[in-house]
C-alpha atoms as a PDB file:
ATOM      1  CA  MET A   1     -32.173  22.589  53.214  1.00  0.00           C
ATOM      2  CA  LYS A   2     -30.332  19.428  52.161  1.00  0.00           C
ATOM      3  CA  LYS A   3     -33.667  17.626  51.859  1.00  0.00           C
ATOM      4  CA  LEU A   4     -35.016  20.421  49.648  1.00  0.00           C
ATOM      5  CA  ALA A   5     -31.915  20.331  47.454  1.00  0.00           C
ATOM      6  CA  GLY A   6     -32.172  16.569  47.232  1.00  0.00           C
ATOM      7  CA  PHE A   7     -35.827  16.803  46.218  1.00  0.00           C
ATOM      8  CA  ALA A   8     -34.974  19.375  43.547  1.00  0.00           C
ATOM      9  CA  LEU A   9     -32.245  17.144  42.126  1.00  0.00           C
ATOM     10  CA  ALA A  10     -34.593  14.150  42.101  1.00  0.00           C
ATOM     11  CA  LEU A  11     -37.257  16.184  40.320  1.00  0.00           C
ATOM     12  CA  LEU A  12     -34.723  17.406  37.764  1.00  0.00           C
ATOM     13  CA  ALA A  13     -33.513  13.859  37.151  1.00  0.00           C
ATOM     14  CA  ALA A  14     -37.077  12.596  36.734  1.00  0.00           C
ATOM     15  CA  THR A  15     -37.844  15.400  34.275  1.00  0.00           C
ATOM     16  CA  ALA A  16     -34.696  14.642  32.290  1.00  0.00           C
ATOM     17  CA  THR A  17     -35.547  10.923  32.236  1.00  0.00           C
ATOM     18  CA  SER A  18     -39.082  11.691  31.065  1.00  0.00           C
ATOM     19  CA  ALA A  19     -37.786  13.987  28.318  1.00  0.00           C
ATOM     20  CA  PHE A  20     -35.316  11.333  27.178  1.00  0.00           C
ATOM     21  CA  ALA A  21     -37.968   8.634  27.117  1.00  0.00           C
ATOM     22  CA  GLN A  22     -40.257  10.899  25.101  1.00  0.00           C
ATOM     23  CA  SER A  23     -37.562  11.614  22.513  1.00  0.00           C
ATOM     24  CA  ASP A  24     -36.802   7.864  22.300  1.00  0.00           C
ATOM     25  CA  THR A  25     -40.170   6.459  21.236  1.00  0.00           C
ATOM     26  CA  LEU A  26     -39.152   2.810  21.353  1.00  0.00           C
ATOM     27  CA  ALA A  27     -37.792   3.206  24.894  1.00  0.00           C
ATOM     28  CA  LYS A  28     -41.010   5.005  25.897  1.00  0.00           C
ATOM     29  CA  VAL A  29     -43.148   2.241  24.394  1.00  0.00           C
ATOM     30  CA  LYS A  30     -41.108  -0.516  26.017  1.00  0.00           C
ATOM     31  CA  GLN A  31     -41.342   1.136  29.419  1.00  0.00           C
ATOM     32  CA  SER A  32     -45.075   1.881  29.209  1.00  0.00           C
ATOM     33  CA  GLY A  33     -46.092  -1.390  27.587  1.00  0.00           C
ATOM     34  CA  LYS A  34     -48.279   0.378  25.050  1.00  0.00           C
ATOM     35  CA  PHE A  35     -48.108   1.960  21.598  1.00  0.00           C
ATOM     36  CA  VAL A  36     -50.550   4.812  21.001  1.00  0.00           C
ATOM     37  CA  ILE A  37     -51.881   5.546  17.508  1.00  0.00           C
ATOM     38  CA  GLY A  38     -53.464   8.951  16.989  1.00  0.00           C
ATOM     39  CA  THR A  39     -56.277   8.813  14.444  1.00  0.00           C
ATOM     40  CA  ARG A  40     -59.359  10.646  13.159  1.00  0.00           C
ATOM     41  CA  ASP A  41     -63.095   9.952  13.329  1.00  0.00           C
ATOM     42  CA  SER A  42     -64.278  11.555  10.072  1.00  0.00           C
ATOM     43  CA  SER A  43     -61.419  11.457   7.552  1.00  0.00           C
ATOM     44  CA  ALA A  44     -62.676   8.541   5.457  1.00  0.00           C
ATOM     45  CA  PRO A  45     -61.247   6.687   3.697  1.00  0.00           C
ATOM     46  CA  LEU A  46     -57.891   7.508   5.338  1.00  0.00           C
ATOM     47  CA  ALA A  47     -59.002   7.252   8.968  1.00  0.00           C
ATOM     48  CA  TYR A  48     -62.454   7.205  10.539  1.00  0.00           C
ATOM     49  CA  THR A  49     -64.743   5.401  12.944  1.00  0.00           C
ATOM     50  CA  THR A  50     -67.552   3.086  11.913  1.00  0.00           C
ATOM     51  CA  GLY A  51     -69.506   4.137  14.965  1.00  0.00           C
ATOM     52  CA  ASP A  52     -68.753   1.100  17.099  1.00  0.00           C
ATOM     53  CA  GLY A  53     -65.586   2.405  18.724  1.00  0.00           C
ATOM     54  CA  LYS A  54     -63.466   0.889  15.969  1.00  0.00           C
ATOM     55  CA  TYR A  55     -61.109   2.975  13.819  1.00  0.00           C
ATOM     56  CA  VAL A  56     -60.553   1.929  10.229  1.00  0.00           C
ATOM     57  CA  GLY A  57     -59.108   3.276   6.983  1.00  0.00           C
ATOM     58  CA  TYR A  58     -56.150   3.344   4.649  1.00  0.00           C
ATOM     59  CA  HIS A  59     -53.771   5.053   7.067  1.00  0.00           C
ATOM     60  CA  VAL A  60     -55.064   3.050  10.025  1.00  0.00           C
ATOM     61  CA  ASP A  61     -54.053  -0.102   8.142  1.00  0.00           C
ATOM     62  CA  VAL A  62     -50.605   1.369   7.475  1.00  0.00           C
ATOM     63  CA  CYS A  63     -50.156   2.244  11.145  1.00  0.00           C
ATOM     64  CA  ASN A  64     -51.274  -1.211  12.215  1.00  0.00           C
ATOM     65  CA  GLN A  65     -48.322  -2.515  10.199  1.00  0.00           C
ATOM     66  CA  VAL A  66     -46.088  -0.020  12.016  1.00  0.00           C
ATOM     67  CA  ALA A  67     -47.462  -1.356  15.309  1.00  0.00           C
ATOM     68  CA  GLU A  68     -46.456  -4.895  14.325  1.00  0.00           C
ATOM     69  CA  ALA A  69     -42.934  -3.661  13.600  1.00  0.00           C
ATOM     70  CA  VAL A  70     -42.835  -1.904  16.979  1.00  0.00           C
ATOM     71  CA  LYS A  71     -43.856  -5.137  18.737  1.00  0.00           C
ATOM     72  CA  LYS A  72     -40.850  -6.867  17.200  1.00  0.00           C
ATOM     73  CA  ALA A  73     -38.499  -3.982  17.968  1.00  0.00           C
ATOM     74  CA  VAL A  74     -39.396  -3.978  21.690  1.00  0.00           C
ATOM     75  CA  ALA A  75     -39.629  -7.796  21.808  1.00  0.00           C
ATOM     76  CA  ASN A  76     -43.209  -7.722  23.088  1.00  0.00           C
ATOM     77  CA  PRO A  77     -45.704  -9.561  20.842  1.00  0.00           C
ATOM     78  CA  LYS A  78     -48.472  -8.778  23.349  1.00  0.00           C
ATOM     79  CA  LEU A  79     -47.789  -5.036  23.344  1.00  0.00           C
ATOM     80  CA  ASN A  80     -50.991  -3.089  23.937  1.00  0.00           C
ATOM     81  CA  VAL A  81     -51.951  -0.985  20.900  1.00  0.00           C
ATOM     82  CA  GLU A  82     -54.262   1.904  21.749  1.00  0.00           C
ATOM     83  CA  TYR A  83     -56.100   4.389  19.530  1.00  0.00           C
ATOM     84  CA  GLN A  84     -56.388   8.034  20.546  1.00  0.00           C
ATOM     85  CA  LEU A  85     -58.765  10.384  18.739  1.00  0.00           C
ATOM     86  CA  VAL A  86     -57.032  13.552  17.531  1.00  0.00           C
ATOM     87  CA  THR A  87     -58.381  16.631  15.768  1.00  0.00           C
ATOM     88  CA  SER A  88     -57.052  19.091  13.202  1.00  0.00           C
ATOM     89  CA  GLN A  89     -56.367  21.487  16.075  1.00  0.00           C
ATOM     90  CA  ASN A  90     -54.507  19.219  18.516  1.00  0.00           C
ATOM     91  CA  ARG A  91     -52.834  16.541  16.351  1.00  0.00           C
ATOM     92  CA  VAL A  92     -49.386  18.177  16.239  1.00  0.00           C
ATOM     93  CA  SER A  93     -49.285  18.991  19.952  1.00  0.00           C
ATOM     94  CA  LEU A  94     -50.403  15.479  20.920  1.00  0.00           C
ATOM     95  CA  VAL A  95     -47.478  14.092  18.936  1.00  0.00           C
ATOM     96  CA  THR A  96     -44.894  16.504  20.317  1.00  0.00           C
ATOM     97  CA  ASN A  97     -45.989  16.098  23.955  1.00  0.00           C
ATOM     98  CA  GLY A  98     -45.911  12.306  23.767  1.00  0.00           C
ATOM     99  CA  THR A  99     -49.635  11.622  24.127  1.00  0.00           C
ATOM    100  CA  VAL A 100     -49.602   9.684  20.862  1.00  0.00           C
ATOM    101  CA  ASP A 101     -46.601   7.907  19.354  1.00  0.00           C
ATOM    102  CA  VAL A 102     -47.678   8.166  15.738  1.00  0.00           C
ATOM    103  CA  GLU A 103     -50.482  10.081  14.006  1.00  0.00           C
ATOM    104  CA  CYS A 104     -52.327   8.244  11.265  1.00  0.00           C
ATOM    105  CA  GLY A 105     -54.953  10.557   9.880  1.00  0.00           C
ATOM    106  CA  SER A 106     -55.034  13.048   7.019  1.00  0.00           C
ATOM    107  CA  THR A 107     -52.184  15.407   7.852  1.00  0.00           C
ATOM    108  CA  THR A 108     -50.400  17.408   5.174  1.00  0.00           C
ATOM    109  CA  ASN A 109     -46.610  17.281   5.344  1.00  0.00           C
ATOM    110  CA  ASN A 110     -45.515  20.908   5.045  1.00  0.00           C
ATOM    111  CA  ALA A 111     -42.467  22.973   5.927  1.00  0.00           C
ATOM    112  CA  THR A 112     -44.145  24.660   8.885  1.00  0.00           C
ATOM    113  CA  ARG A 113     -45.071  21.367  10.532  1.00  0.00           C
ATOM    114  CA  GLN A 114     -41.628  19.927   9.830  1.00  0.00           C
ATOM    115  CA  LYS A 115     -40.260  22.443  12.330  1.00  0.00           C
ATOM    116  CA  ASP A 116     -42.067  20.538  15.092  1.00  0.00           C
ATOM    117  CA  VAL A 117     -42.602  16.980  13.849  1.00  0.00           C
ATOM    118  CA  ALA A 118     -41.321  14.443  11.333  1.00  0.00           C
ATOM    119  CA  PHE A 119     -43.135  12.582   8.571  1.00  0.00           C
ATOM    120  CA  ALA A 120     -42.897   9.159   6.969  1.00  0.00           C
ATOM    121  CA  PRO A 121     -42.677   8.865   3.164  1.00  0.00           C
ATOM    122  CA  THR A 122     -45.759  10.202   1.378  1.00  0.00           C
ATOM    123  CA  THR A 123     -48.562   7.637   1.286  1.00  0.00           C
ATOM    124  CA  TYR A 124     -51.261   9.821  -0.252  1.00  0.00           C
ATOM    125  CA  VAL A 125     -51.302  12.887  -2.490  1.00  0.00           C
ATOM    126  CA  THR A 126     -54.455  14.929  -2.155  1.00  0.00           C
ATOM    127  CA  ASN A 127     -56.028  17.699  -4.203  1.00  0.00           C
ATOM    128  CA  VAL A 128     -57.860  20.401  -2.278  1.00  0.00           C
ATOM    129  CA  ARG A 129     -61.224  21.029  -3.979  1.00  0.00           C
ATOM    130  CA  ILE A 130     -64.805  21.923  -3.073  1.00  0.00           C
ATOM    131  CA  ALA A 131     -67.893  19.825  -2.346  1.00  0.00           C
ATOM    132  CA  VAL A 132     -71.365  21.210  -2.994  1.00  0.00           C
ATOM    133  CA  LYS A 133     -74.918  19.990  -3.297  1.00  0.00           C
ATOM    134  CA  ALA A 134     -75.472  18.535  -6.763  1.00  0.00           C
ATOM    135  CA  ASP A 135     -78.272  21.005  -7.476  1.00  0.00           C
ATOM    136  CA  SER A 136     -76.366  24.077  -6.205  1.00  0.00           C
ATOM    137  CA  GLY A 137     -75.364  25.316  -9.640  1.00  0.00           C
ATOM    138  CA  ILE A 138     -71.771  25.755  -8.386  1.00  0.00           C
ATOM    139  CA  ASN A 139     -69.121  24.241 -10.644  1.00  0.00           C
ATOM    140  CA  SER A 140     -66.093  26.518 -10.259  1.00  0.00           C
ATOM    141  CA  LEU A 141     -64.197  28.667  -7.781  1.00  0.00           C
ATOM    142  CA  ALA A 142     -65.541  31.853  -9.383  1.00  0.00           C
ATOM    143  CA  GLN A 143     -69.093  30.785  -8.524  1.00  0.00           C
ATOM    144  CA  LEU A 144     -68.289  30.910  -4.810  1.00  0.00           C
ATOM    145  CA  ASP A 145     -68.595  34.700  -4.995  1.00  0.00           C
ATOM    146  CA  GLY A 146     -71.100  35.822  -2.376  1.00  0.00           C
ATOM    147  CA  LYS A 147     -71.426  32.312  -0.971  1.00  0.00           C
ATOM    148  CA  THR A 148     -70.701  30.804   2.446  1.00  0.00           C
ATOM    149  CA  VAL A 149     -67.807  28.354   2.432  1.00  0.00           C
ATOM    150  CA  ALA A 150     -67.137  25.838   5.185  1.00  0.00           C
ATOM    151  CA  THR A 151     -63.864  24.301   6.249  1.00  0.00           C
ATOM    152  CA  THR A 152     -62.554  22.600   9.385  1.00  0.00           C
ATOM    153  CA  THR A 153     -60.901  24.386  12.303  1.00  0.00           C
ATOM    154  CA  GLY A 154     -57.141  23.817  12.310  1.00  0.00           C
ATOM    155  CA  THR A 155     -56.828  23.278   8.552  1.00  0.00           C
ATOM    156  CA  THR A 156     -55.462  25.577   5.859  1.00  0.00           C
ATOM    157  CA  SER A 157     -58.085  25.013   3.151  1.00  0.00           C
ATOM    158  CA  VAL A 158     -59.805  28.421   3.188  1.00  0.00           C
ATOM    159  CA  LEU A 159     -56.427  30.175   3.348  1.00  0.00           C
ATOM    160  CA  LEU A 160     -55.350  28.187   0.278  1.00  0.00           C
ATOM    161  CA  LEU A 161     -58.592  29.144  -1.459  1.00  0.00           C
ATOM    162  CA  ARG A 162     -58.065  32.826  -0.758  1.00  0.00           C
ATOM    163  CA  LYS A 163     -54.555  32.618  -2.195  1.00  0.00           C
ATOM    164  CA  HIS A 164     -55.631  30.816  -5.379  1.00  0.00           C
ATOM    165  CA  GLU A 165     -55.270  33.028  -8.439  1.00  0.00           C
ATOM    166  CA  ARG A 166     -58.677  32.074  -9.807  1.00  0.00           C
ATOM    167  CA  ALA A 167     -60.306  33.052  -6.518  1.00  0.00           C
ATOM    168  CA  ALA A 168     -58.484  36.387  -6.189  1.00  0.00           C
ATOM    169  CA  LYS A 169     -61.602  38.458  -6.837  1.00  0.00           C
ATOM    170  CA  VAL A 170     -64.045  36.062  -5.213  1.00  0.00           C
ATOM    171  CA  ASN A 171     -65.625  37.376  -2.030  1.00  0.00           C
ATOM    172  CA  PHE A 172     -67.112  34.720   0.233  1.00  0.00           C
ATOM    173  CA  ASN A 173     -67.922  34.241   3.879  1.00  0.00           C
ATOM    174  CA  ASP A 174     -66.267  31.388   5.728  1.00  0.00           C
ATOM    175  CA  VAL A 175     -67.644  29.288   8.553  1.00  0.00           C
ATOM    176  CA  LEU A 176     -65.717  26.697  10.577  1.00  0.00           C
ATOM    177  CA  GLY A 177     -66.753  23.194  11.570  1.00  0.00           C
ATOM    178  CA  LYS A 178     -65.134  21.610  14.618  1.00  0.00           C
ATOM    179  CA  ASP A 179     -64.291  18.495  12.567  1.00  0.00           C
ATOM    180  CA  HIS A 180     -64.796  17.277   8.998  1.00  0.00           C
ATOM    181  CA  ALA A 181     -68.170  15.698   9.758  1.00  0.00           C
ATOM    182  CA  ASP A 182     -69.373  18.973  11.272  1.00  0.00           C
ATOM    183  CA  SER A 183     -68.141  20.935   8.230  1.00  0.00           C
ATOM    184  CA  PHE A 184     -69.979  18.597   5.872  1.00  0.00           C
ATOM    185  CA  LEU A 185     -73.100  18.917   8.026  1.00  0.00           C
ATOM    186  CA  LEU A 186     -73.015  22.679   7.393  1.00  0.00           C
ATOM    187  CA  VAL A 187     -73.490  21.940   3.690  1.00  0.00           C
ATOM    188  CA  GLU A 188     -76.056  19.208   4.323  1.00  0.00           C
ATOM    189  CA  THR A 189     -78.215  21.571   6.375  1.00  0.00           C
ATOM    190  CA  GLY A 190     -77.827  24.551   4.046  1.00  0.00           C
ATOM    191  CA  ARG A 191     -75.771  26.667   6.439  1.00  0.00           C
ATOM    192  CA  ALA A 192     -72.902  26.612   3.933  1.00  0.00           C
ATOM    193  CA  ASP A 193     -72.901  26.490   0.149  1.00  0.00           C
ATOM    194  CA  ALA A 194     -69.603  24.630  -0.189  1.00  0.00           C
ATOM    195  CA  PHE A 195     -67.004  22.724   1.828  1.00  0.00           C
ATOM    196  CA  VAL A 196     -63.330  23.195   0.918  1.00  0.00           C
ATOM    197  CA  MET A 197     -61.118  20.241   1.857  1.00  0.00           C
ATOM    198  CA  ASP A 198     -58.929  17.389   0.602  1.00  0.00           C
ATOM    199  CA  ASP A 199     -60.677  15.532  -2.200  1.00  0.00           C
ATOM    200  CA  ASN A 200     -60.321  12.153  -0.486  1.00  0.00           C
ATOM    201  CA  ILE A 201     -62.029  13.443   2.675  1.00  0.00           C
ATOM    202  CA  LEU A 202     -64.816  15.024   0.630  1.00  0.00           C
ATOM    203  CA  ALA A 203     -65.307  11.791  -1.306  1.00  0.00           C
ATOM    204  CA  GLY A 204     -65.350   9.728   1.894  1.00  0.00           C
ATOM    205  CA  LEU A 205     -67.950  11.975   3.524  1.00  0.00           C
ATOM    206  CA  ILE A 206     -70.117  11.950   0.411  1.00  0.00           C
ATOM    207  CA  VAL A 207     -70.004   8.187  -0.077  1.00  0.00           C
ATOM    208  CA  ASN A 208     -70.911   7.582   3.574  1.00  0.00           C
ATOM    209  CA  SER A 209     -73.688  10.201   3.603  1.00  0.00           C
ATOM    210  CA  LYS A 210     -77.381   9.277   3.560  1.00  0.00           C
ATOM    211  CA  THR A 211     -77.755  10.370  -0.079  1.00  0.00           C
ATOM    212  CA  PRO A 212     -74.396  10.309  -1.926  1.00  0.00           C
ATOM    213  CA  SER A 213     -75.988  11.374  -5.227  1.00  0.00           C
ATOM    214  CA  ALA A 214     -77.055  14.660  -3.618  1.00  0.00           C
ATOM    215  CA  TYR A 215     -73.453  15.946  -3.542  1.00  0.00           C
ATOM    216  CA  LYS A 216     -70.562  16.397  -5.938  1.00  0.00           C
ATOM    217  CA  ILE A 217     -66.935  17.524  -5.938  1.00  0.00           C
ATOM    218  CA  VAL A 218     -66.320  20.420  -8.305  1.00  0.00           C
ATOM    219  CA  GLY A 219     -63.960  23.195  -9.272  1.00  0.00           C
ATOM    220  CA  GLU A 220     -60.304  23.595 -10.009  1.00  0.00           C
ATOM    221  CA  THR A 221     -57.638  22.003  -7.840  1.00  0.00           C
ATOM    222  CA  ILE A 222     -56.724  24.564  -5.202  1.00  0.00           C
ATOM    223  CA  SER A 223     -53.595  22.784  -4.022  1.00  0.00           C
ATOM    224  CA  GLU A 224     -51.846  19.416  -4.408  1.00  0.00           C
ATOM    225  CA  GLU A 225     -50.388  18.198  -1.115  1.00  0.00           C
ATOM    226  CA  PRO A 226     -48.572  15.146   0.273  1.00  0.00           C
ATOM    227  CA  ILE A 227     -50.255  13.340   3.170  1.00  0.00           C
ATOM    228  CA  ALA A 228     -48.159  11.159   5.481  1.00  0.00           C
ATOM    229  CA  ILE A 229     -47.845   9.465   8.843  1.00  0.00           C
ATOM    230  CA  MET A 230     -46.621  11.944  11.476  1.00  0.00           C
ATOM    231  CA  TYR A 231     -44.383  11.287  14.499  1.00  0.00           C
ATOM    232  CA  ARG A 232     -41.902  13.044  16.792  1.00  0.00           C
ATOM    233  CA  LYS A 233     -38.771  14.465  15.219  1.00  0.00           C
ATOM    234  CA  ASP A 234     -35.162  13.915  16.294  1.00  0.00           C
ATOM    235  CA  ASP A 235     -35.785  10.207  16.902  1.00  0.00           C
ATOM    236  CA  PRO A 236     -33.689   8.436  14.227  1.00  0.00           C
ATOM    237  CA  ALA A 237     -34.331   4.888  15.452  1.00  0.00           C
ATOM    238  CA  PHE A 238     -38.092   5.290  15.364  1.00  0.00           C
ATOM    239  CA  LYS A 239     -37.977   7.172  12.061  1.00  0.00           C
ATOM    240  CA  LYS A 240     -36.063   4.286  10.517  1.00  0.00           C
ATOM    241  CA  LEU A 241     -38.593   1.761  11.812  1.00  0.00           C
ATOM    242  CA  VAL A 242     -41.613   3.707  10.508  1.00  0.00           C
ATOM    243  CA  ASP A 243     -40.012   4.630   7.195  1.00  0.00           C
ATOM    244  CA  ASP A 244     -38.740   1.093   6.584  1.00  0.00           C
ATOM    245  CA  THR A 245     -42.209  -0.287   7.290  1.00  0.00           C
ATOM    246  CA  VAL A 246     -43.839   2.120   4.830  1.00  0.00           C
ATOM    247  CA  LYS A 247     -41.171   1.554   2.179  1.00  0.00           C
ATOM    248  CA  GLY A 248     -41.543  -2.196   2.623  1.00  0.00           C
ATOM    249  CA  MET A 249     -45.283  -1.927   1.973  1.00  0.00           C
ATOM    250  CA  MET A 250     -44.516   0.137  -1.121  1.00  0.00           C
ATOM    251  CA  SER A 251     -41.937  -2.226  -2.604  1.00  0.00           C
ATOM    252  CA  SER A 252     -43.948  -5.382  -1.882  1.00  0.00           C
ATOM    253  CA  GLY A 253     -47.116  -4.032  -3.474  1.00  0.00           C
ATOM    254  CA  GLU A 254     -48.987  -4.217  -0.150  1.00  0.00           C
ATOM    255  CA  LEU A 255     -49.577  -0.469  -0.079  1.00  0.00           C
ATOM    256  CA  ALA A 256     -51.198  -0.573  -3.527  1.00  0.00           C
ATOM    257  CA  LYS A 257     -53.477  -3.397  -2.333  1.00  0.00           C
ATOM    258  CA  THR A 258     -54.344  -1.418   0.789  1.00  0.00           C
ATOM    259  CA  TYR A 259     -55.124   1.603  -1.378  1.00  0.00           C
ATOM    260  CA  ALA A 260     -57.449  -0.462  -3.584  1.00  0.00           C
ATOM    261  CA  LYS A 261     -59.188  -1.812  -0.466  1.00  0.00           C
ATOM    262  CA  TRP A 262     -60.174   1.679   0.679  1.00  0.00           C
ATOM    263  CA  PHE A 263     -60.436   3.752  -2.499  1.00  0.00           C
ATOM    264  CA  THR A 264     -61.801   1.438  -5.199  1.00  0.00           C
ATOM    265  CA  SER A 265     -63.649  -1.238  -3.195  1.00  0.00           C
ATOM    266  CA  PRO A 266     -66.735  -1.150  -0.954  1.00  0.00           C
ATOM    267  CA  ILE A 267     -65.946   0.328   2.474  1.00  0.00           C
ATOM    268  CA  PRO A 268     -67.797   0.232   5.779  1.00  0.00           C
ATOM    269  CA  PRO A 269     -70.265   1.057   7.130  1.00  0.00           C
ATOM    270  CA  ARG A 270     -72.542   1.234   4.055  1.00  0.00           C
ATOM    271  CA  GLY A 271     -70.455  -0.760   1.594  1.00  0.00           C
ATOM    272  CA  ASN A 272     -70.247   2.136  -0.887  1.00  0.00           C
ATOM    273  CA  VAL A 273     -67.238   2.757  -3.134  1.00  0.00           C
ATOM    274  CA  VAL A 274     -65.217   5.998  -2.971  1.00  0.00           C
ATOM    275  CA  GLY A 275     -64.143   5.435  -6.579  1.00  0.00           C
ATOM    276  CA  MET A 276     -60.777   7.216  -6.653  1.00  0.00           C
ATOM    277  CA  PRO A 277     -58.115   5.264  -8.594  1.00  0.00           C
ATOM    278  CA  MET A 278     -54.523   5.918  -7.592  1.00  0.00           C
ATOM    279  CA  SER A 279     -53.241   9.184  -9.063  1.00  0.00           C
ATOM    280  CA  ASP A 280     -50.061   9.558 -11.094  1.00  0.00           C
ATOM    281  CA  SER A 281     -48.650  11.754  -8.319  1.00  0.00           C
ATOM    282  CA  LEU A 282     -49.105   8.996  -5.725  1.00  0.00           C
ATOM    283  CA  LYS A 283     -47.689   6.374  -8.097  1.00  0.00           C
ATOM    284  CA  LYS A 284     -44.606   8.560  -8.435  1.00  0.00           C
ATOM    285  CA  ALA A 285     -44.343   8.993  -4.658  1.00  0.00           C
ATOM    286  CA  ILE A 286     -44.490   5.222  -4.194  1.00  0.00           C
ATOM    287  CA  ALA A 287     -41.898   4.599  -6.912  1.00  0.00           C
ATOM    288  CA  THR A 288     -39.518   7.121  -5.326  1.00  0.00           C
ATOM    289  CA  PRO A 289     -40.337   7.256  -1.584  1.00  0.00           C
ATOM    290  CA  ASN A 290     -39.712  10.644   0.039  1.00  0.00           C
ATOM    291  CA  ASP A 291     -40.836  12.884   2.879  1.00  0.00           C
ATOM    292  CA  ASN A 292     -40.733  16.120   0.881  1.00  0.00           C
ATOM    293  CA  PRO A 293     -43.072  18.858   2.160  1.00  0.00           C
ATOM    294  CA  ALA A 294     -46.033  20.327   0.302  1.00  0.00           C
ATOM    295  CA  GLU A 295     -44.003  23.309  -0.866  1.00  0.00           C
ATOM    296  CA  SER A 296     -42.113  20.998  -3.229  1.00  0.00           C
ATOM    297  CA  TYR A 297     -45.411  20.163  -4.965  1.00  0.00           C
ATOM    298  CA  LYS A 298     -46.028  23.743  -6.013  1.00  0.00           C
ATOM    299  CA  LYS A 299     -45.669  24.314  -9.738  1.00  0.00           C
END
């Protein structure tokens, strides 16, 4: 009986230690000897793979700077930095359960997610719009009536579309792709007439497609939303490290240079240009860094 009680106490202590380490990211990283970055495979130009097992993009570059700061904080210049693929469906849970230490993809900072995770200052402001084939004849939300609209599982794009005042009387069928590349493929193959998603993701998919001129982004802005690096909440030391790193990139001008590298310069793998100059909304977010949720962007 004493042995059983002792085992139970040991198990409880181990669980408590594990929970503590998970809530203290820097302690967890120091103990494990690795820092895990969660990222995406088809969210160009924010985060994507070039097909050779390498992850690149605007937010990947930002998180690589965070990784350098973590190395200094745990006094381990040889700290192993790993990349873990996440999806729209599992990204929040993989942050909260400790699988990844920071998520660097295309995640909207909103009030619902802030109940479970924390966000760094806004590093991108996206506009949710629609991508169609250039010869589709679709140029507005109203013209989606009777059409099939694709979006990605785990995102809120179709819900936002249904709530948009100019789409109130538009009846369309929706179909879900398992990831952004799959959703775009639905349009490419004619199984969907349009793909509703963040404009930067649409532009990245189009520019890296086989025939970029065959597609276009059209219609009214459905929603303007802040995109940011995501990490576990209730971890003030790690929040300070991430936020200070991002703010430092903002104040030094490095973030603007990183933006130009991915949005207005040739990007891999085809060397095409996304062609999206920095918006006034993002300039404002950089001038006054904040982690305000999407609800604050509503007009």
